[in-house]
Amino acid sequence: MDAVTAAKARIDRALADLERTVLELKARPASAPPIADDDLFAPRPSNAADLARIAELEEVGQETAQALALAADAVREVLAQQQAASQQAAEREEAN
């Protein structure tokens, strides 16, 4: 597996983890109180259950951001390696 394929696989895993987590959070038990508004920009509710849910979503968002940042770093590293290899190949070609 080359570096680009490995980086793509890491990104795919991070996105799959994000989708799974979002689905788990949305799959609330039937006994849970209904959510009045799923708008992320709605005013923050004041009851403890909603505040706990918001905190959980914020934590998942931070974890996801970190996973995507790692994936982006991996892609940047692969691109830098490819650019370096291309430059070396061009230099060797010029030398010949």
PDB file of N, CA and C in Angstrom:
ATOM      1  N   MET A   1       0.864  -1.167   0.000  1.00  0.00           N
ATOM      2  CA  MET A   1       0.000   0.000   0.000  1.00  0.00           C
ATOM      3  C   MET A   1       0.910   1.230   0.000  1.00  0.00           C
ATOM      4  N   ASP A   2       0.688   2.134  -0.942  1.00  0.00           N
ATOM      5  CA  ASP A   2       1.515   3.330  -0.976  1.00  0.00           C
ATOM      6  C   ASP A   2       1.017   4.357   0.037  1.00  0.00           C
ATOM      7  N   ALA A   3       1.781   5.416   0.212  1.00  0.00           N
ATOM      8  CA  ALA A   3       1.493   6.405   1.256  1.00  0.00           C
ATOM      9  C   ALA A   3       0.171   7.129   1.017  1.00  0.00           C
ATOM     10  N   VAL A   4      -0.155   7.413  -0.234  1.00  0.00           N
ATOM     11  CA  VAL A   4      -1.416   8.107  -0.527  1.00  0.00           C
ATOM     12  C   VAL A   4      -2.607   7.228  -0.159  1.00  0.00           C
ATOM     13  N   THR A   5      -2.518   5.957  -0.494  1.00  0.00           N
ATOM     14  CA  THR A   5      -3.592   5.030  -0.155  1.00  0.00           C
ATOM     15  C   THR A   5      -3.733   4.895   1.357  1.00  0.00           C
ATOM     16  N   ALA A   6      -2.602   4.867   2.059  1.00  0.00           N
ATOM     17  CA  ALA A   6      -2.645   4.773   3.521  1.00  0.00           C
ATOM     18  C   ALA A   6      -3.269   6.025   4.132  1.00  0.00           C
ATOM     19  N   ALA A   7      -2.906   7.195   3.604  1.00  0.00           N
ATOM     20  CA  ALA A   7      -3.491   8.442   4.115  1.00  0.00           C
ATOM     21  C   ALA A   7      -4.991   8.481   3.845  1.00  0.00           C
ATOM     22  N   LYS A   8      -5.388   8.039   2.663  1.00  0.00           N
ATOM     23  CA  LYS A   8      -6.817   8.007   2.323  1.00  0.00           C
ATOM     24  C   LYS A   8      -7.557   7.064   3.255  1.00  0.00           C
ATOM     25  N   ALA A   9      -6.950   5.933   3.562  1.00  0.00           N
ATOM     26  CA  ALA A   9      -7.574   4.970   4.470  1.00  0.00           C
ATOM     27  C   ALA A   9      -7.740   5.573   5.861  1.00  0.00           C
ATOM     28  N   ARG A  10      -6.737   6.333   6.326  1.00  0.00           N
ATOM     29  CA  ARG A  10      -6.855   6.981   7.638  1.00  0.00           C
ATOM     30  C   ARG A  10      -7.973   8.015   7.639  1.00  0.00           C
ATOM     31  N   ILE A  11      -8.080   8.775   6.564  1.00  0.00           N
ATOM     32  CA  ILE A  11      -9.153   9.770   6.466  1.00  0.00           C
ATOM     33  C   ILE A  11     -10.510   9.076   6.441  1.00  0.00           C
ATOM     34  N   ASP A  12     -10.607   8.000   5.668  1.00  0.00           N
ATOM     35  CA  ASP A  12     -11.870   7.255   5.603  1.00  0.00           C
ATOM     36  C   ASP A  12     -12.255   6.705   6.971  1.00  0.00           C
ATOM     37  N   ARG A  13     -11.271   6.202   7.727  1.00  0.00           N
ATOM     38  CA  ARG A  13     -11.561   5.687   9.069  1.00  0.00           C
ATOM     39  C   ARG A  13     -12.022   6.806   9.999  1.00  0.00           C
ATOM     40  N   ALA A  14     -11.374   7.958   9.914  1.00  0.00           N
ATOM     41  CA  ALA A  14     -11.766   9.092  10.770  1.00  0.00           C
ATOM     42  C   ALA A  14     -13.191   9.536  10.449  1.00  0.00           C
ATOM     43  N   LEU A  15     -13.521   9.602   9.166  1.00  0.00           N
ATOM     44  CA  LEU A  15     -14.882   9.993   8.782  1.00  0.00           C
ATOM     45  C   LEU A  15     -15.900   8.936   9.194  1.00  0.00           C
ATOM     46  N   ALA A  16     -15.543   7.673   9.071  1.00  0.00           N
ATOM     47  CA  ALA A  16     -16.449   6.601   9.497  1.00  0.00           C
ATOM     48  C   ALA A  16     -16.684   6.670  11.003  1.00  0.00           C
ATOM     49  N   ASP A  17     -15.621   6.946  11.758  1.00  0.00           N
ATOM     50  CA  ASP A  17     -15.772   7.097  13.213  1.00  0.00           C
ATOM     51  C   ASP A  17     -16.684   8.269  13.540  1.00  0.00           C
ATOM     52  N   LEU A  18     -16.518   9.362  12.816  1.00  0.00           N
ATOM     53  CA  LEU A  18     -17.370  10.531  13.036  1.00  0.00           C
ATOM     54  C   LEU A  18     -18.826  10.197  12.732  1.00  0.00           C
ATOM     55  N   GLU A  19     -19.080   9.563  11.598  1.00  0.00           N
ATOM     56  CA  GLU A  19     -20.454   9.200  11.240  1.00  0.00           C
ATOM     57  C   GLU A  19     -21.067   8.261  12.267  1.00  0.00           C
ATOM     58  N   ARG A  20     -20.293   7.277  12.728  1.00  0.00           N
ATOM     59  CA  ARG A  20     -20.791   6.336  13.721  1.00  0.00           C
ATOM     60  C   ARG A  20     -21.147   7.052  15.017  1.00  0.00           C
ATOM     61  N   THR A  21     -20.293   7.946  15.447  1.00  0.00           N
ATOM     62  CA  THR A  21     -20.539   8.669  16.694  1.00  0.00           C
ATOM     63  C   THR A  21     -21.772   9.550  16.582  1.00  0.00           C
ATOM     64  N   VAL A  22     -21.918  10.225  15.473  1.00  0.00           N
ATOM     65  CA  VAL A  22     -23.090  11.083  15.271  1.00  0.00           C
ATOM     66  C   VAL A  22     -24.355  10.235  15.271  1.00  0.00           C
ATOM     67  N   LEU A  23     -24.313   9.094  14.599  1.00  0.00           N
ATOM     68  CA  LEU A  23     -25.487   8.214  14.576  1.00  0.00           C
ATOM     69  C   LEU A  23     -25.814   7.695  15.970  1.00  0.00           C
ATOM     70  N   GLU A  24     -24.787   7.357  16.744  1.00  0.00           N
ATOM     71  CA  GLU A  24     -25.026   6.893  18.111  1.00  0.00           C
ATOM     72  C   GLU A  24     -25.670   7.987  18.956  1.00  0.00           C
ATOM     73  N   LEU A  25     -25.203   9.204  18.787  1.00  0.00           N
ATOM     74  CA  LEU A  25     -25.772  10.310  19.556  1.00  0.00           C
ATOM     75  C   LEU A  25     -27.209  10.605  19.138  1.00  0.00           C
ATOM     76  N   LYS A  26     -27.476  10.418  17.856  1.00  0.00           N
ATOM     77  CA  LYS A  26     -28.835  10.672  17.377  1.00  0.00           C
ATOM     78  C   LYS A  26     -29.791   9.536  17.734  1.00  0.00           C
ATOM     79  N   ALA A  27     -29.253   8.353  17.955  1.00  0.00           N
ATOM     80  CA  ALA A  27     -30.086   7.197  18.283  1.00  0.00           C
ATOM     81  C   ALA A  27     -30.362   7.184  19.785  1.00  0.00           C
ATOM     82  N   ARG A  28     -31.030   8.180  20.212  1.00  0.00           N
ATOM     83  CA  ARG A  28     -31.353   8.308  21.638  1.00  0.00           C
ATOM     84  C   ARG A  28     -32.486   7.359  21.989  1.00  0.00           C
ATOM     85  N   PRO A  29     -32.538   6.935  23.235  1.00  0.00           N
ATOM     86  CA  PRO A  29     -33.627   6.037  23.637  1.00  0.00           C
ATOM     87  C   PRO A  29     -34.978   6.735  23.530  1.00  0.00           C
ATOM     88  N   ALA A  30     -36.009   5.919  23.326  1.00  0.00           N
ATOM     89  CA  ALA A  30     -37.362   6.477  23.177  1.00  0.00           C
ATOM     90  C   ALA A  30     -37.816   7.194  24.442  1.00  0.00           C
ATOM     91  N   SER A  31     -37.269   6.802  25.581  1.00  0.00           N
ATOM     92  CA  SER A  31     -37.675   7.425  26.834  1.00  0.00           C
ATOM     93  C   SER A  31     -37.038   8.805  27.036  1.00  0.00           C
ATOM     94  N   ALA A  32     -36.062   9.127  26.218  1.00  0.00           N
ATOM     95  CA  ALA A  32     -35.406  10.432  26.352  1.00  0.00           C
ATOM     96  C   ALA A  32     -36.370  11.533  25.917  1.00  0.00           C
ATOM     97  N   PRO A  33     -36.277  12.679  26.555  1.00  0.00           N
ATOM     98  CA  PRO A  33     -37.152  13.777  26.148  1.00  0.00           C
ATOM     99  C   PRO A  33     -36.844  14.212  24.721  1.00  0.00           C
ATOM    100  N   PRO A  34     -37.847  14.613  23.974  1.00  0.00           N
ATOM    101  CA  PRO A  34     -37.594  15.027  22.588  1.00  0.00           C
ATOM    102  C   PRO A  34     -36.744  16.291  22.540  1.00  0.00           C
ATOM    103  N   ILE A  35     -35.989  16.403  21.483  1.00  0.00           N
ATOM    104  CA  ILE A  35     -35.185  17.604  21.273  1.00  0.00           C
ATOM    105  C   ILE A  35     -36.058  18.595  20.518  1.00  0.00           C
ATOM    106  N   ALA A  36     -36.239  19.766  21.096  1.00  0.00           N
ATOM    107  CA  ALA A  36     -37.116  20.760  20.492  1.00  0.00           C
ATOM    108  C   ALA A  36     -36.539  21.289  19.187  1.00  0.00           C
ATOM    109  N   ASP A  37     -35.227  21.459  19.149  1.00  0.00           N
ATOM    110  CA  ASP A  37     -34.624  22.060  17.965  1.00  0.00           C
ATOM    111  C   ASP A  37     -33.211  21.509  17.800  1.00  0.00           C
ATOM    112  N   ASP A  38     -32.911  20.984  16.621  1.00  0.00           N
ATOM    113  CA  ASP A  38     -31.568  20.473  16.357  1.00  0.00           C
ATOM    114  C   ASP A  38     -30.641  21.554  15.821  1.00  0.00           C
ATOM    115  N   ASP A  39     -31.085  22.788  15.805  1.00  0.00           N
ATOM    116  CA  ASP A  39     -30.294  23.895  15.287  1.00  0.00           C
ATOM    117  C   ASP A  39     -29.078  24.120  16.171  1.00  0.00           C
ATOM    118  N   LEU A  40     -27.887  24.013  15.585  1.00  0.00           N
ATOM    119  CA  LEU A  40     -26.665  24.199  16.355  1.00  0.00           C
ATOM    120  C   LEU A  40     -26.508  25.623  16.868  1.00  0.00           C
ATOM    121  N   PHE A  41     -27.208  26.568  16.245  1.00  0.00           N
ATOM    122  CA  PHE A  41     -27.073  27.964  16.627  1.00  0.00           C
ATOM    123  C   PHE A  41     -28.221  28.423  17.526  1.00  0.00           C
ATOM    124  N   ALA A  42     -29.059  27.492  17.931  1.00  0.00           N
ATOM    125  CA  ALA A  42     -30.165  27.827  18.833  1.00  0.00           C
ATOM    126  C   ALA A  42     -29.604  28.168  20.212  1.00  0.00           C
ATOM    127  N   PRO A  43     -30.329  28.941  20.984  1.00  0.00           N
ATOM    128  CA  PRO A  43     -29.857  29.258  22.340  1.00  0.00           C
ATOM    129  C   PRO A  43     -29.654  27.978  23.145  1.00  0.00           C
ATOM    130  N   ARG A  44     -28.705  28.009  24.034  1.00  0.00           N
ATOM    131  CA  ARG A  44     -28.403  26.830  24.849  1.00  0.00           C
ATOM    132  C   ARG A  44     -29.524  26.599  25.866  1.00  0.00           C
ATOM    133  N   PRO A  45     -29.996  25.360  25.954  1.00  0.00           N
ATOM    134  CA  PRO A  45     -31.012  25.039  26.952  1.00  0.00           C
ATOM    135  C   PRO A  45     -30.405  25.059  28.356  1.00  0.00           C
ATOM    136  N   SER A  46     -31.252  25.199  29.330  1.00  0.00           N
ATOM    137  CA  SER A  46     -30.737  25.344  30.694  1.00  0.00           C
ATOM    138  C   SER A  46     -30.866  24.080  31.542  1.00  0.00           C
ATOM    139  N   ASN A  47     -31.579  23.056  31.067  1.00  0.00           N
ATOM    140  CA  ASN A  47     -31.703  21.872  31.935  1.00  0.00           C
ATOM    141  C   ASN A  47     -30.436  21.008  31.858  1.00  0.00           C
ATOM    142  N   ALA A  48     -30.190  20.242  32.882  1.00  0.00           N
ATOM    143  CA  ALA A  48     -28.945  19.495  33.036  1.00  0.00           C
ATOM    144  C   ALA A  48     -28.754  18.438  31.941  1.00  0.00           C
ATOM    145  N   ALA A  49     -29.820  17.775  31.538  1.00  0.00           N
ATOM    146  CA  ALA A  49     -29.705  16.731  30.508  1.00  0.00           C
ATOM    147  C   ALA A  49     -29.242  17.333  29.186  1.00  0.00           C
ATOM    148  N   ASP A  50     -29.828  18.457  28.822  1.00  0.00           N
ATOM    149  CA  ASP A  50     -29.439  19.100  27.567  1.00  0.00           C
ATOM    150  C   ASP A  50     -28.011  19.636  27.648  1.00  0.00           C
ATOM    151  N   LEU A  51     -27.644  20.182  28.780  1.00  0.00           N
ATOM    152  CA  LEU A  51     -26.282  20.687  28.939  1.00  0.00           C
ATOM    153  C   LEU A  51     -25.264  19.549  28.850  1.00  0.00           C
ATOM    154  N   ALA A  52     -25.605  18.393  29.421  1.00  0.00           N
ATOM    155  CA  ALA A  52     -24.713  17.231  29.344  1.00  0.00           C
ATOM    156  C   ALA A  52     -24.585  16.758  27.903  1.00  0.00           C
ATOM    157  N   ARG A  53     -25.696  16.746  27.173  1.00  0.00           N
ATOM    158  CA  ARG A  53     -25.673  16.333  25.763  1.00  0.00           C
ATOM    159  C   ARG A  53     -24.830  17.296  24.934  1.00  0.00           C
ATOM    160  N   ILE A  54     -24.967  18.583  25.193  1.00  0.00           N
ATOM    161  CA  ILE A  54     -24.166  19.572  24.463  1.00  0.00           C
ATOM    162  C   ILE A  54     -22.681  19.357  24.750  1.00  0.00           C
ATOM    163  N   ALA A  55     -22.348  19.118  25.996  1.00  0.00           N
ATOM    164  CA  ALA A  55     -20.952  18.866  26.365  1.00  0.00           C
ATOM    165  C   ALA A  55     -20.412  17.629  25.651  1.00  0.00           C
ATOM    166  N   GLU A  56     -21.241  16.588  25.567  1.00  0.00           N
ATOM    167  CA  GLU A  56     -20.830  15.358  24.883  1.00  0.00           C
ATOM    168  C   GLU A  56     -20.597  15.618  23.397  1.00  0.00           C
ATOM    169  N   LEU A  57     -21.493  16.367  22.782  1.00  0.00           N
ATOM    170  CA  LEU A  57     -21.336  16.694  21.361  1.00  0.00           C
ATOM    171  C   LEU A  57     -20.091  17.547  21.126  1.00  0.00           C
ATOM    172  N   GLU A  58     -19.828  18.476  22.016  1.00  0.00           N
ATOM    173  CA  GLU A  58     -18.629  19.305  21.872  1.00  0.00           C
ATOM    174  C   GLU A  58     -17.363  18.467  21.995  1.00  0.00           C
ATOM    175  N   GLU A  59     -17.377  17.499  22.914  1.00  0.00           N
ATOM    176  CA  GLU A  59     -16.217  16.617  23.076  1.00  0.00           C
ATOM    177  C   GLU A  59     -15.997  15.783  21.820  1.00  0.00           C
ATOM    178  N   VAL A  60     -17.072  15.244  21.273  1.00  0.00           N
ATOM    179  CA  VAL A  60     -16.960  14.451  20.042  1.00  0.00           C
ATOM    180  C   VAL A  60     -16.452  15.329  18.910  1.00  0.00           C
ATOM    181  N   GLY A  61     -16.927  16.564  18.862  1.00  0.00           N
ATOM    182  CA  GLY A  61     -16.449  17.490  17.834  1.00  0.00           C
ATOM    183  C   GLY A  61     -14.957  17.744  17.948  1.00  0.00           C
ATOM    184  N   GLN A  62     -14.465  17.900  19.168  1.00  0.00           N
ATOM    185  CA  GLN A  62     -13.031  18.103  19.386  1.00  0.00           C
ATOM    186  C   GLN A  62     -12.234  16.866  18.966  1.00  0.00           C
ATOM    187  N   GLU A  63     -12.725  15.683  19.326  1.00  0.00           N
ATOM    188  CA  GLU A  63     -12.040  14.449  18.945  1.00  0.00           C
ATOM    189  C   GLU A  63     -11.998  14.304  17.424  1.00  0.00           C
ATOM    190  N   THR A  64     -13.094  14.648  16.792  1.00  0.00           N
ATOM    191  CA  THR A  64     -13.161  14.561  15.338  1.00  0.00           C
ATOM    192  C   THR A  64     -12.204  15.548  14.693  1.00  0.00           C
ATOM    193  N   ALA A  65     -12.172  16.756  15.227  1.00  0.00           N
ATOM    194  CA  ALA A  65     -11.255  17.762  14.693  1.00  0.00           C
ATOM    195  C   ALA A  65      -9.807  17.284  14.809  1.00  0.00           C
ATOM    196  N   GLN A  66      -9.473  16.647  15.933  1.00  0.00           N
ATOM    197  CA  GLN A  66      -8.119  16.131  16.111  1.00  0.00           C
ATOM    198  C   GLN A  66      -7.821  15.012  15.116  1.00  0.00           C
ATOM    199  N   ALA A  67      -8.789  14.123  14.914  1.00  0.00           N
ATOM    200  CA  ALA A  67      -8.593  13.020  13.965  1.00  0.00           C
ATOM    201  C   ALA A  67      -8.412  13.547  12.549  1.00  0.00           C
ATOM    202  N   LEU A  68      -9.218  14.529  12.179  1.00  0.00           N
ATOM    203  CA  LEU A  68      -9.092  15.104  10.839  1.00  0.00           C
ATOM    204  C   LEU A  68      -7.786  15.882  10.689  1.00  0.00           C
ATOM    205  N   ALA A  69      -7.344  16.533  11.755  1.00  0.00           N
ATOM    206  CA  ALA A  69      -6.062  17.246  11.702  1.00  0.00           C
ATOM    207  C   ALA A  69      -4.919  16.256  11.486  1.00  0.00           C
ATOM    208  N   LEU A  70      -4.976  15.112  12.171  1.00  0.00           N
ATOM    209  CA  LEU A  70      -3.950  14.081  11.972  1.00  0.00           C
ATOM    210  C   LEU A  70      -3.974  13.560  10.534  1.00  0.00           C
ATOM    211  N   ALA A  71      -5.167  13.353  10.014  1.00  0.00           N
ATOM    212  CA  ALA A  71      -5.290  12.877   8.631  1.00  0.00           C
ATOM    213  C   ALA A  71      -4.751  13.922   7.663  1.00  0.00           C
ATOM    214  N   ALA A  72      -5.048  15.191   7.908  1.00  0.00           N
ATOM    215  CA  ALA A  72      -4.545  16.260   7.045  1.00  0.00           C
ATOM    216  C   ALA A  72      -3.021  16.323   7.104  1.00  0.00           C
ATOM    217  N   ASP A  73      -2.462  16.158   8.299  1.00  0.00           N
ATOM    218  CA  ASP A  73      -1.004  16.137   8.429  1.00  0.00           C
ATOM    219  C   ASP A  73      -0.406  14.984   7.636  1.00  0.00           C
ATOM    220  N   ALA A  74      -1.066  13.833   7.678  1.00  0.00           N
ATOM    221  CA  ALA A  74      -0.577  12.671   6.931  1.00  0.00           C
ATOM    222  C   ALA A  74      -0.608  12.940   5.434  1.00  0.00           C
ATOM    223  N   VAL A  75      -1.676  13.584   4.964  1.00  0.00           N
ATOM    224  CA  VAL A  75      -1.773  13.906   3.544  1.00  0.00           C
ATOM    225  C   VAL A  75      -0.677  14.905   3.160  1.00  0.00           C
ATOM    226  N   ARG A  76      -0.466  15.908   4.008  1.00  0.00           N
ATOM    227  CA  ARG A  76       0.598  16.892   3.730  1.00  0.00           C
ATOM    228  C   ARG A  76       1.967  16.217   3.674  1.00  0.00           C
ATOM    229  N   GLU A  77       2.202  15.272   4.576  1.00  0.00           N
ATOM    230  CA  GLU A  77       3.473  14.548   4.598  1.00  0.00           C
ATOM    231  C   GLU A  77       3.661  13.751   3.309  1.00  0.00           C
ATOM    232  N   VAL A  78       2.620  13.083   2.873  1.00  0.00           N
ATOM    233  CA  VAL A  78       2.697  12.296   1.640  1.00  0.00           C
ATOM    234  C   VAL A  78       2.967  13.210   0.448  1.00  0.00           C
ATOM    235  N   LEU A  79       2.268  14.333   0.406  1.00  0.00           N
ATOM    236  CA  LEU A  79       2.484  15.278  -0.697  1.00  0.00           C
ATOM    237  C   LEU A  79       3.909  15.823  -0.689  1.00  0.00           C
ATOM    238  N   ALA A  80       4.437  16.117   0.487  1.00  0.00           N
ATOM    239  CA  ALA A  80       5.814  16.606   0.580  1.00  0.00           C
ATOM    240  C   ALA A  80       6.799  15.544   0.120  1.00  0.00           C
ATOM    241  N   GLN A  81       6.546  14.287   0.492  1.00  0.00           N
ATOM    242  CA  GLN A  81       7.419  13.193   0.060  1.00  0.00           C
ATOM    243  C   GLN A  81       7.380  13.034  -1.455  1.00  0.00           C
ATOM    244  N   GLN A  82       6.182  13.134  -2.025  1.00  0.00           N
ATOM    245  CA  GLN A  82       6.056  13.007  -3.475  1.00  0.00           C
ATOM    246  C   GLN A  82       6.754  14.162  -4.189  1.00  0.00           C
ATOM    247  N   GLN A  83       6.625  15.364  -3.630  1.00  0.00           N
ATOM    248  CA  GLN A  83       7.273  16.517  -4.235  1.00  0.00           C
ATOM    249  C   GLN A  83       8.790  16.359  -4.167  1.00  0.00           C
ATOM    250  N   ALA A  84       9.304  15.898  -3.035  1.00  0.00           N
ATOM    251  CA  ALA A  84      10.747  15.682  -2.884  1.00  0.00           C
ATOM    252  C   ALA A  84      11.232  14.622  -3.869  1.00  0.00           C
ATOM    253  N   ALA A  85      10.469  13.566  -4.026  1.00  0.00           N
ATOM    254  CA  ALA A  85      10.848  12.507  -4.964  1.00  0.00           C
ATOM    255  C   ALA A  85      10.844  13.029  -6.393  1.00  0.00           C
ATOM    256  N   SER A  86       9.867  13.857  -6.727  1.00  0.00           N
ATOM    257  CA  SER A  86       9.803  14.441  -8.072  1.00  0.00           C
ATOM    258  C   SER A  86      10.999  15.352  -8.325  1.00  0.00           C
ATOM    259  N   GLN A  87      11.360  16.136  -7.320  1.00  0.00           N
ATOM    260  CA  GLN A  87      12.507  17.032  -7.468  1.00  0.00           C
ATOM    261  C   GLN A  87      13.800  16.239  -7.637  1.00  0.00           C
ATOM    262  N   GLN A  88      13.945  15.165  -6.871  1.00  0.00           N
ATOM    263  CA  GLN A  88      15.144  14.331  -7.004  1.00  0.00           C
ATOM    264  C   GLN A  88      15.210  13.694  -8.378  1.00  0.00           C
ATOM    265  N   ALA A  89      14.079  13.241  -8.879  1.00  0.00           N
ATOM    266  CA  ALA A  89      14.039  12.634 -10.201  1.00  0.00           C
ATOM    267  C   ALA A  89      14.402  13.661 -11.273  1.00  0.00           C
ATOM    268  N   ALA A  90      13.909  14.879 -11.113  1.00  0.00           N
ATOM    269  CA  ALA A  90      14.214  15.941 -12.085  1.00  0.00           C
ATOM    270  C   ALA A  90      15.698  16.282 -12.034  1.00  0.00           C
ATOM    271  N   GLU A  91      16.275  16.325 -10.839  1.00  0.00           N
ATOM    272  CA  GLU A  91      17.692  16.623 -10.700  1.00  0.00           C
ATOM    273  C   GLU A  91      18.554  15.525 -11.332  1.00  0.00           C
ATOM    274  N   ARG A  92      18.149  14.264 -11.140  1.00  0.00           N
ATOM    275  CA  ARG A  92      18.888  13.160 -11.744  1.00  0.00           C
ATOM    276  C   ARG A  92      18.796  13.203 -13.261  1.00  0.00           C
ATOM    277  N   GLU A  93      17.632  13.596 -13.747  1.00  0.00           N
ATOM    278  CA  GLU A  93      17.437  13.679 -15.194  1.00  0.00           C
ATOM    279  C   GLU A  93      18.290  14.785 -15.785  1.00  0.00           C
ATOM    280  N   GLU A  94      18.396  15.900 -15.070  1.00  0.00           N
ATOM    281  CA  GLU A  94      19.225  17.002 -15.520  1.00  0.00           C
ATOM    282  C   GLU A  94      20.702  16.616 -15.514  1.00  0.00           C
ATOM    283  N   ALA A  95      21.102  15.818 -14.545  1.00  0.00           N
ATOM    284  CA  ALA A  95      22.488  15.403 -14.416  1.00  0.00           C
ATOM    285  C   ALA A  95      22.891  14.463 -15.559  1.00  0.00           C
ATOM    286  N   ASN A  96      21.931  13.743 -16.100  1.00  0.00           N
ATOM    287  CA  ASN A  96      22.230  12.797 -17.183  1.00  0.00           C
ATOM    288  C   ASN A  96      22.195  13.478 -18.463  1.00  0.00           C
TER     289      ASN A  96
END
